[in-house]
Amino acid sequence: MHALPRLKLRGLLTIPEPAQEFAAQLAVHRRARALYEELRAAGLPLDTLSMGMTGDLEAAIHAGSTMVRVGTAIFGARPAKA
């Protein structure tokens, strides 16, 4: 494996399966947050936990997300594939 000295691991990005229930969304985000905290405790200098998109951003923020992606809220839903 070649070292890429200019690249730095900043954190984790998660995209869970869609879930309608807040509790189900929160459970997935809490598991990702636990992994993030484990990695930080092991000495990785992570500062970004990107969880949540338009449909689950409340649960992601509640679980400690530092970044959310809200493209659908801004641009609308993608057209259905034919």
PDB file of N, CA and C in Angstrom:
ATOM      1  N   MET A   1       0.847  -1.169   0.000  1.00  0.00           N
ATOM      2  CA  MET A   1       0.000   0.000   0.000  1.00  0.00           C
ATOM      3  C   MET A   1       0.896   1.237   0.000  1.00  0.00           C
ATOM      4  N   HIS A   2       0.584   2.184  -0.843  1.00  0.00           N
ATOM      5  CA  HIS A   2       1.361   3.406  -0.942  1.00  0.00           C
ATOM      6  C   HIS A   2       0.816   4.457   0.019  1.00  0.00           C
ATOM      7  N   ALA A   3       1.703   5.134   0.697  1.00  0.00           N
ATOM      8  CA  ALA A   3       1.294   6.206   1.595  1.00  0.00           C
ATOM      9  C   ALA A   3       0.884   7.423   0.776  1.00  0.00           C
ATOM     10  N   LEU A   4      -0.164   8.072   1.190  1.00  0.00           N
ATOM     11  CA  LEU A   4      -0.613   9.299   0.555  1.00  0.00           C
ATOM     12  C   LEU A   4      -0.520  10.407   1.597  1.00  0.00           C
ATOM     13  N   PRO A   5       0.635  11.035   1.715  1.00  0.00           N
ATOM     14  CA  PRO A   5       0.885  11.943   2.827  1.00  0.00           C
ATOM     15  C   PRO A   5      -0.037  13.153   2.876  1.00  0.00           C
ATOM     16  N   ARG A   6      -0.623  13.551   1.762  1.00  0.00           N
ATOM     17  CA  ARG A   6      -1.492  14.731   1.784  1.00  0.00           C
ATOM     18  C   ARG A   6      -2.910  14.396   2.221  1.00  0.00           C
ATOM     19  N   LEU A   7      -3.231  13.106   2.261  1.00  0.00           N
ATOM     20  CA  LEU A   7      -4.568  12.709   2.662  1.00  0.00           C
ATOM     21  C   LEU A   7      -4.604  12.439   4.157  1.00  0.00           C
ATOM     22  N   LYS A   8      -5.702  12.845   4.769  1.00  0.00           N
ATOM     23  CA  LYS A   8      -5.862  12.656   6.203  1.00  0.00           C
ATOM     24  C   LYS A   8      -7.275  12.138   6.462  1.00  0.00           C
ATOM     25  N   LEU A   9      -7.378  11.058   7.210  1.00  0.00           N
ATOM     26  CA  LEU A   9      -8.677  10.536   7.604  1.00  0.00           C
ATOM     27  C   LEU A   9      -9.284  11.491   8.618  1.00  0.00           C
ATOM     28  N   ARG A  10     -10.441  12.060   8.274  1.00  0.00           N
ATOM     29  CA  ARG A  10     -11.090  13.037   9.147  1.00  0.00           C
ATOM     30  C   ARG A  10     -12.211  12.426   9.977  1.00  0.00           C
ATOM     31  N   GLY A  11     -12.835  11.362   9.459  1.00  0.00           N
ATOM     32  CA  GLY A  11     -13.953  10.806  10.196  1.00  0.00           C
ATOM     33  C   GLY A  11     -14.674   9.730   9.432  1.00  0.00           C
ATOM     34  N   LEU A  12     -15.940   9.563   9.785  1.00  0.00           N
ATOM     35  CA  LEU A  12     -16.790   8.545   9.178  1.00  0.00           C
ATOM     36  C   LEU A  12     -17.971   9.203   8.477  1.00  0.00           C
ATOM     37  N   LEU A  13     -18.418   8.578   7.396  1.00  0.00           N
ATOM     38  CA  LEU A  13     -19.627   8.976   6.700  1.00  0.00           C
ATOM     39  C   LEU A  13     -20.501   7.739   6.623  1.00  0.00           C
ATOM     40  N   THR A  14     -21.746   7.871   7.033  1.00  0.00           N
ATOM     41  CA  THR A  14     -22.653   6.730   6.980  1.00  0.00           C
ATOM     42  C   THR A  14     -23.873   7.062   6.132  1.00  0.00           C
ATOM     43  N   ILE A  15     -24.385   6.067   5.433  1.00  0.00           N
ATOM     44  CA  ILE A  15     -25.633   6.176   4.681  1.00  0.00           C
ATOM     45  C   ILE A  15     -26.431   4.909   4.992  1.00  0.00           C
ATOM     46  N   PRO A  16     -27.260   4.951   6.020  1.00  0.00           N
ATOM     47  CA  PRO A  16     -28.014   3.751   6.392  1.00  0.00           C
ATOM     48  C   PRO A  16     -29.187   3.502   5.465  1.00  0.00           C
ATOM     49  N   GLU A  17     -29.714   2.293   5.533  1.00  0.00           N
ATOM     50  CA  GLU A  17     -30.945   1.968   4.819  1.00  0.00           C
ATOM     51  C   GLU A  17     -32.043   2.910   5.316  1.00  0.00           C
ATOM     52  N   PRO A  18     -32.922   3.347   4.433  1.00  0.00           N
ATOM     53  CA  PRO A  18     -34.017   4.221   4.875  1.00  0.00           C
ATOM     54  C   PRO A  18     -34.900   3.527   5.910  1.00  0.00           C
ATOM     55  N   ALA A  19     -35.318   4.278   6.897  1.00  0.00           N
ATOM     56  CA  ALA A  19     -36.239   3.777   7.923  1.00  0.00           C
ATOM     57  C   ALA A  19     -37.253   4.877   8.218  1.00  0.00           C
ATOM     58  N   GLN A  20     -38.486   4.511   8.407  1.00  0.00           N
ATOM     59  CA  GLN A  20     -39.542   5.494   8.659  1.00  0.00           C
ATOM     60  C   GLN A  20     -39.594   5.936  10.124  1.00  0.00           C
ATOM     61  N   GLU A  21     -39.341   5.016  11.021  1.00  0.00           N
ATOM     62  CA  GLU A  21     -39.481   5.293  12.453  1.00  0.00           C
ATOM     63  C   GLU A  21     -38.245   6.005  13.005  1.00  0.00           C
ATOM     64  N   PHE A  22     -38.468   7.041  13.792  1.00  0.00           N
ATOM     65  CA  PHE A  22     -37.374   7.784  14.408  1.00  0.00           C
ATOM     66  C   PHE A  22     -36.484   6.862  15.234  1.00  0.00           C
ATOM     67  N   ALA A  23     -37.085   5.951  16.000  1.00  0.00           N
ATOM     68  CA  ALA A  23     -36.303   5.049  16.857  1.00  0.00           C
ATOM     69  C   ALA A  23     -35.361   4.180  16.039  1.00  0.00           C
ATOM     70  N   ALA A  24     -35.816   3.696  14.900  1.00  0.00           N
ATOM     71  CA  ALA A  24     -34.964   2.864  14.041  1.00  0.00           C
ATOM     72  C   ALA A  24     -33.833   3.692  13.441  1.00  0.00           C
ATOM     73  N   GLN A  25     -34.133   4.906  13.006  1.00  0.00           N
ATOM     74  CA  GLN A  25     -33.105   5.807  12.481  1.00  0.00           C
ATOM     75  C   GLN A  25     -32.065   6.105  13.558  1.00  0.00           C
ATOM     76  N   LEU A  26     -32.538   6.417  14.747  1.00  0.00           N
ATOM     77  CA  LEU A  26     -31.652   6.766  15.850  1.00  0.00           C
ATOM     78  C   LEU A  26     -30.746   5.600  16.231  1.00  0.00           C
ATOM     79  N   ALA A  27     -31.278   4.388  16.231  1.00  0.00           N
ATOM     80  CA  ALA A  27     -30.478   3.209  16.594  1.00  0.00           C
ATOM     81  C   ALA A  27     -29.287   3.040  15.660  1.00  0.00           C
ATOM     82  N   VAL A  28     -29.506   3.211  14.367  1.00  0.00           N
ATOM     83  CA  VAL A  28     -28.416   3.075  13.394  1.00  0.00           C
ATOM     84  C   VAL A  28     -27.375   4.160  13.612  1.00  0.00           C
ATOM     85  N   HIS A  29     -27.824   5.382  13.806  1.00  0.00           N
ATOM     86  CA  HIS A  29     -26.892   6.496  14.007  1.00  0.00           C
ATOM     87  C   HIS A  29     -26.122   6.358  15.327  1.00  0.00           C
ATOM     88  N   ARG A  30     -26.771   5.830  16.325  1.00  0.00           N
ATOM     89  CA  ARG A  30     -26.056   5.625  17.599  1.00  0.00           C
ATOM     90  C   ARG A  30     -24.965   4.568  17.464  1.00  0.00           C
ATOM     91  N   ARG A  31     -25.205   3.543  16.655  1.00  0.00           N
ATOM     92  CA  ARG A  31     -24.156   2.533  16.424  1.00  0.00           C
ATOM     93  C   ARG A  31     -22.965   3.160  15.701  1.00  0.00           C
ATOM     94  N   ALA A  32     -23.244   4.006  14.729  1.00  0.00           N
ATOM     95  CA  ALA A  32     -22.150   4.688  14.025  1.00  0.00           C
ATOM     96  C   ALA A  32     -21.403   5.617  14.972  1.00  0.00           C
ATOM     97  N   ARG A  33     -22.124   6.301  15.838  1.00  0.00           N
ATOM     98  CA  ARG A  33     -21.489   7.195  16.809  1.00  0.00           C
ATOM     99  C   ARG A  33     -20.598   6.403  17.767  1.00  0.00           C
ATOM    100  N   ALA A  34     -21.053   5.224  18.177  1.00  0.00           N
ATOM    101  CA  ALA A  34     -20.253   4.379  19.067  1.00  0.00           C
ATOM    102  C   ALA A  34     -18.953   3.958  18.383  1.00  0.00           C
ATOM    103  N   LEU A  35     -19.021   3.582  17.104  1.00  0.00           N
ATOM    104  CA  LEU A  35     -17.814   3.222  16.362  1.00  0.00           C
ATOM    105  C   LEU A  35     -16.872   4.421  16.267  1.00  0.00           C
ATOM    106  N   TYR A  36     -17.415   5.583  15.962  1.00  0.00           N
ATOM    107  CA  TYR A  36     -16.634   6.820  15.886  1.00  0.00           C
ATOM    108  C   TYR A  36     -15.894   7.067  17.212  1.00  0.00           C
ATOM    109  N   GLU A  37     -16.599   6.920  18.315  1.00  0.00           N
ATOM    110  CA  GLU A  37     -15.991   7.139  19.634  1.00  0.00           C
ATOM    111  C   GLU A  37     -14.931   6.085  19.941  1.00  0.00           C
ATOM    112  N   GLU A  38     -15.160   4.843  19.538  1.00  0.00           N
ATOM    113  CA  GLU A  38     -14.153   3.786  19.731  1.00  0.00           C
ATOM    114  C   GLU A  38     -12.871   4.116  18.978  1.00  0.00           C
ATOM    115  N   LEU A  39     -13.012   4.562  17.744  1.00  0.00           N
ATOM    116  CA  LEU A  39     -11.840   4.912  16.940  1.00  0.00           C
ATOM    117  C   LEU A  39     -11.085   6.092  17.536  1.00  0.00           C
ATOM    118  N   ARG A  40     -11.824   7.072  18.031  1.00  0.00           N
ATOM    119  CA  ARG A  40     -11.168   8.216  18.688  1.00  0.00           C
ATOM    120  C   ARG A  40     -10.443   7.768  19.957  1.00  0.00           C
ATOM    121  N   ALA A  41     -11.069   6.891  20.723  1.00  0.00           N
ATOM    122  CA  ALA A  41     -10.454   6.386  21.952  1.00  0.00           C
ATOM    123  C   ALA A  41      -9.194   5.582  21.654  1.00  0.00           C
ATOM    124  N   ALA A  42      -9.156   4.973  20.462  1.00  0.00           N
ATOM    125  CA  ALA A  42      -7.980   4.198  20.058  1.00  0.00           C
ATOM    126  C   ALA A  42      -6.859   5.092  19.539  1.00  0.00           C
ATOM    127  N   GLY A  43      -7.105   6.398  19.498  1.00  0.00           N
ATOM    128  CA  GLY A  43      -6.054   7.329  19.116  1.00  0.00           C
ATOM    129  C   GLY A  43      -6.175   7.975  17.755  1.00  0.00           C
ATOM    130  N   LEU A  44      -7.219   7.638  16.993  1.00  0.00           N
ATOM    131  CA  LEU A  44      -7.385   8.302  15.698  1.00  0.00           C
ATOM    132  C   LEU A  44      -7.926   9.714  15.925  1.00  0.00           C
ATOM    133  N   PRO A  45      -7.302  10.720  15.335  1.00  0.00           N
ATOM    134  CA  PRO A  45      -7.726  12.104  15.562  1.00  0.00           C
ATOM    135  C   PRO A  45      -8.904  12.508  14.672  1.00  0.00           C
ATOM    136  N   LEU A  46     -10.038  11.837  14.820  1.00  0.00           N
ATOM    137  CA  LEU A  46     -11.205  12.098  13.996  1.00  0.00           C
ATOM    138  C   LEU A  46     -11.971  13.313  14.518  1.00  0.00           C
ATOM    139  N   ASP A  47     -12.511  14.100  13.588  1.00  0.00           N
ATOM    140  CA  ASP A  47     -13.305  15.260  13.991  1.00  0.00           C
ATOM    141  C   ASP A  47     -14.619  15.384  13.225  1.00  0.00           C
ATOM    142  N   THR A  48     -14.904  14.424  12.353  1.00  0.00           N
ATOM    143  CA  THR A  48     -16.105  14.510  11.527  1.00  0.00           C
ATOM    144  C   THR A  48     -16.893  13.211  11.596  1.00  0.00           C
ATOM    145  N   LEU A  49     -18.165  13.352  11.905  1.00  0.00           N
ATOM    146  CA  LEU A  49     -19.090  12.223  11.894  1.00  0.00           C
ATOM    147  C   LEU A  49     -20.274  12.644  11.034  1.00  0.00           C
ATOM    148  N   SER A  50     -20.227  12.266   9.763  1.00  0.00           N
ATOM    149  CA  SER A  50     -21.230  12.678   8.794  1.00  0.00           C
ATOM    150  C   SER A  50     -22.315  11.617   8.715  1.00  0.00           C
ATOM    151  N   MET A  51     -23.427  11.901   9.350  1.00  0.00           N
ATOM    152  CA  MET A  51     -24.569  10.986   9.354  1.00  0.00           C
ATOM    153  C   MET A  51     -25.803  11.804   9.029  1.00  0.00           C
ATOM    154  N   GLY A  52     -26.718  11.218   8.338  1.00  0.00           N
ATOM    155  CA  GLY A  52     -28.008  11.835   8.125  1.00  0.00           C
ATOM    156  C   GLY A  52     -28.156  12.518   6.789  1.00  0.00           C
ATOM    157  N   MET A  53     -29.345  12.330   6.249  1.00  0.00           N
ATOM    158  CA  MET A  53     -29.737  13.017   5.032  1.00  0.00           C
ATOM    159  C   MET A  53     -31.115  13.613   5.310  1.00  0.00           C
ATOM    160  N   THR A  54     -31.730  14.199   4.322  1.00  0.00           N
ATOM    161  CA  THR A  54     -32.986  14.901   4.529  1.00  0.00           C
ATOM    162  C   THR A  54     -33.996  14.075   5.325  1.00  0.00           C
ATOM    163  N   GLY A  55     -34.134  12.800   5.013  1.00  0.00           N
ATOM    164  CA  GLY A  55     -35.157  11.965   5.638  1.00  0.00           C
ATOM    165  C   GLY A  55     -34.887  11.562   7.072  1.00  0.00           C
ATOM    166  N   ASP A  56     -33.658  11.667   7.536  1.00  0.00           N
ATOM    167  CA  ASP A  56     -33.348  11.217   8.896  1.00  0.00           C
ATOM    168  C   ASP A  56     -32.431  12.186   9.645  1.00  0.00           C
ATOM    169  N   LEU A  57     -32.404  13.433   9.211  1.00  0.00           N
ATOM    170  CA  LEU A  57     -31.433  14.346   9.811  1.00  0.00           C
ATOM    171  C   LEU A  57     -31.702  14.636  11.283  1.00  0.00           C
ATOM    172  N   GLU A  58     -32.961  14.625  11.715  1.00  0.00           N
ATOM    173  CA  GLU A  58     -33.236  14.865  13.139  1.00  0.00           C
ATOM    174  C   GLU A  58     -32.612  13.782  14.011  1.00  0.00           C
ATOM    175  N   ALA A  59     -32.763  12.524  13.594  1.00  0.00           N
ATOM    176  CA  ALA A  59     -32.185  11.412  14.348  1.00  0.00           C
ATOM    177  C   ALA A  59     -30.660  11.486  14.318  1.00  0.00           C
ATOM    178  N   ALA A  60     -30.098  11.858  13.175  1.00  0.00           N
ATOM    179  CA  ALA A  60     -28.641  11.966  13.056  1.00  0.00           C
ATOM    180  C   ALA A  60     -28.097  13.054  13.971  1.00  0.00           C
ATOM    181  N   ILE A  61     -28.750  14.193  13.995  1.00  0.00           N
ATOM    182  CA  ILE A  61     -28.310  15.289  14.871  1.00  0.00           C
ATOM    183  C   ILE A  61     -28.444  14.871  16.329  1.00  0.00           C
ATOM    184  N   HIS A  62     -29.543  14.218  16.645  1.00  0.00           N
ATOM    185  CA  HIS A  62     -29.759  13.739  18.014  1.00  0.00           C
ATOM    186  C   HIS A  62     -28.653  12.768  18.450  1.00  0.00           C
ATOM    187  N   ALA A  63     -28.148  11.976  17.501  1.00  0.00           N
ATOM    188  CA  ALA A  63     -27.101  10.993  17.803  1.00  0.00           C
ATOM    189  C   ALA A  63     -25.701  11.599  17.786  1.00  0.00           C
ATOM    190  N   GLY A  64     -25.566  12.872  17.403  1.00  0.00           N
ATOM    191  CA  GLY A  64     -24.265  13.517  17.463  1.00  0.00           C
ATOM    192  C   GLY A  64     -23.580  13.772  16.136  1.00  0.00           C
ATOM    193  N   SER A  65     -24.324  13.754  15.039  1.00  0.00           N
ATOM    194  CA  SER A  65     -23.717  14.030  13.741  1.00  0.00           C
ATOM    195  C   SER A  65     -23.089  15.423  13.729  1.00  0.00           C
ATOM    196  N   THR A  66     -21.926  15.541  13.101  1.00  0.00           N
ATOM    197  CA  THR A  66     -21.284  16.849  12.952  1.00  0.00           C
ATOM    198  C   THR A  66     -21.518  17.418  11.561  1.00  0.00           C
ATOM    199  N   MET A  67     -22.134  16.616  10.676  1.00  0.00           N
ATOM    200  CA  MET A  67     -22.399  17.053   9.310  1.00  0.00           C
ATOM    201  C   MET A  67     -23.582  16.257   8.775  1.00  0.00           C
ATOM    202  N   VAL A  68     -24.535  16.946   8.138  1.00  0.00           N
ATOM    203  CA  VAL A  68     -25.659  16.270   7.510  1.00  0.00           C
ATOM    204  C   VAL A  68     -25.717  16.656   6.040  1.00  0.00           C
ATOM    205  N   ARG A  69     -26.377  15.819   5.256  1.00  0.00           N
ATOM    206  CA  ARG A  69     -26.507  16.072   3.825  1.00  0.00           C
ATOM    207  C   ARG A  69     -27.994  16.261   3.519  1.00  0.00           C
ATOM    208  N   VAL A  70     -28.357  17.402   2.992  1.00  0.00           N
ATOM    209  CA  VAL A  70     -29.770  17.731   2.810  1.00  0.00           C
ATOM    210  C   VAL A  70     -30.112  18.056   1.361  1.00  0.00           C
ATOM    211  N   GLY A  71     -29.530  17.341   0.428  1.00  0.00           N
ATOM    212  CA  GLY A  71     -29.759  17.602  -0.991  1.00  0.00           C
ATOM    213  C   GLY A  71     -31.210  17.514  -1.411  1.00  0.00           C
ATOM    214  N   THR A  72     -31.938  16.506  -0.938  1.00  0.00           N
ATOM    215  CA  THR A  72     -33.336  16.354  -1.324  1.00  0.00           C
ATOM    216  C   THR A  72     -34.168  17.534  -0.834  1.00  0.00           C
ATOM    217  N   ALA A  73     -33.879  18.038   0.348  1.00  0.00           N
ATOM    218  CA  ALA A  73     -34.619  19.190   0.873  1.00  0.00           C
ATOM    219  C   ALA A  73     -34.363  20.436   0.029  1.00  0.00           C
ATOM    220  N   ILE A  74     -33.203  20.535  -0.558  1.00  0.00           N
ATOM    221  CA  ILE A  74     -32.849  21.706  -1.364  1.00  0.00           C
ATOM    222  C   ILE A  74     -33.262  21.527  -2.813  1.00  0.00           C
ATOM    223  N   PHE A  75     -32.915  20.367  -3.401  1.00  0.00           N
ATOM    224  CA  PHE A  75     -33.090  20.152  -4.838  1.00  0.00           C
ATOM    225  C   PHE A  75     -34.329  19.328  -5.206  1.00  0.00           C
ATOM    226  N   GLY A  76     -34.984  18.720  -4.228  1.00  0.00           N
ATOM    227  CA  GLY A  76     -36.113  17.857  -4.513  1.00  0.00           C
ATOM    228  C   GLY A  76     -35.671  16.422  -4.722  1.00  0.00           C
ATOM    229  N   ALA A  77     -36.639  15.542  -4.805  1.00  0.00           N
ATOM    230  CA  ALA A  77     -36.366  14.114  -4.988  1.00  0.00           C
ATOM    231  C   ALA A  77     -35.823  13.860  -6.389  1.00  0.00           C
ATOM    232  N   ARG A  78     -35.009  12.826  -6.503  1.00  0.00           N
ATOM    233  CA  ARG A  78     -34.508  12.422  -7.810  1.00  0.00           C
ATOM    234  C   ARG A  78     -35.631  11.764  -8.599  1.00  0.00           C
ATOM    235  N   PRO A  79     -35.599  11.936  -9.920  1.00  0.00           N
ATOM    236  CA  PRO A  79     -36.641  11.254 -10.720  1.00  0.00           C
ATOM    237  C   PRO A  79     -36.486   9.730 -10.612  1.00  0.00           C
ATOM    238  N   ALA A  80     -37.596   9.038 -10.659  1.00  0.00           N
ATOM    239  CA  ALA A  80     -37.569   7.575 -10.602  1.00  0.00           C
ATOM    240  C   ALA A  80     -36.886   7.027 -11.851  1.00  0.00           C
ATOM    241  N   LYS A  81     -36.128   5.952 -11.656  1.00  0.00           N
ATOM    242  CA  LYS A  81     -35.464   5.302 -12.804  1.00  0.00           C
ATOM    243  C   LYS A  81     -36.496   4.554 -13.632  1.00  0.00           C
ATOM    244  N   ALA A  82     -36.299   4.582 -14.931  1.00  0.00           N
ATOM    245  CA  ALA A  82     -37.245   3.912 -15.844  1.00  0.00           C
ATOM    246  C   ALA A  82     -37.039   2.417 -15.854  1.00  0.00           C
TER     247      ALA A  82
END
